Amino acid sequence: MAGMPSATLRCIFYGRSKNPGTRTILDICQALNITLYDFFDDPVFKTTDLEGSY
């Protein structure tokens, strides 16, 4: 649905892709019919220590 290889999604899901690009995140959000705000409106993004969050 996001128009990207399933391998890309697997890498993100399993943590092998530590820094997916903004375009990739936007494509995923559009496929899920959510906004970028909805995506980032999560407690994991409300900390100043994002480096240790994943």
Protein backbone atom coordinates (compact mmCIF):
# COMPACT_ATOMS: atom_id res chain seq x y z
CA MET A 1 0.00 0.00 0.00
CA ALA A 2 2.90 2.37 0.66
CA GLY A 3 4.44 1.66 -2.73
CA MET A 4 7.79 0.55 -1.35
CA PRO A 5 9.57 -2.78 -1.23
CA SER A 6 8.46 -5.04 1.60
CA ALA A 7 12.14 -5.40 2.50
CA THR A 8 12.21 -1.69 3.38
CA LEU A 9 9.27 -2.08 5.75
CA ARG A 10 10.83 -5.17 7.32
CA CYS A 11 14.08 -3.30 7.96
CA ILE A 12 12.19 -0.49 9.67
CA PHE A 13 9.96 -2.88 11.65
CA TYR A 14 12.85 -5.00 12.91
CA GLY A 15 15.08 -2.02 13.71
CA ARG A 16 17.69 -2.63 11.01
CA SER A 17 16.86 0.77 9.50
CA LYS A 18 17.70 3.19 12.29
CA ASN A 19 16.91 6.39 10.39
CA PRO A 20 14.19 6.06 7.73
CA GLY A 21 13.81 9.19 5.64
CA THR A 22 10.97 11.67 5.89
CA ARG A 23 9.62 10.59 2.50
CA THR A 24 9.50 6.97 3.64
CA ILE A 25 7.63 7.88 6.82
CA LEU A 26 5.22 10.07 4.84
CA ASP A 27 4.54 7.22 2.38
CA ILE A 28 3.80 4.86 5.27
CA CYS A 29 1.49 7.42 6.90
CA GLN A 30 -0.40 7.95 3.66
CA ALA A 31 -0.83 4.18 3.23
CA LEU A 32 -2.17 3.95 6.79
CA ASN A 33 -4.37 7.03 6.23
CA ILE A 34 -2.84 8.91 9.16
CA THR A 35 -1.06 12.25 9.36
CA LEU A 36 2.57 12.83 10.23
CA TYR A 37 1.28 14.45 13.41
CA ASP A 38 -0.59 11.25 14.32
CA PHE A 39 2.55 9.23 13.62
CA PHE A 40 4.79 11.35 15.82
CA ASP A 41 2.16 11.93 18.53
CA ASP A 42 3.47 9.04 20.58
CA PRO A 43 5.24 8.98 23.96
CA VAL A 44 8.38 7.55 22.36
CA PHE A 45 8.86 10.90 20.55
CA LYS A 46 8.15 13.02 23.63
CA THR A 47 11.54 12.42 25.21
CA THR A 48 14.77 14.29 24.71
CA ASP A 49 16.68 10.99 24.70
CA LEU A 50 15.53 9.58 21.35
CA GLU A 51 18.90 7.96 20.71
CA GLY A 52 18.29 5.34 23.39
CA SER A 53 14.63 4.78 22.48
CA TYR A 54 15.11 2.22 19.76
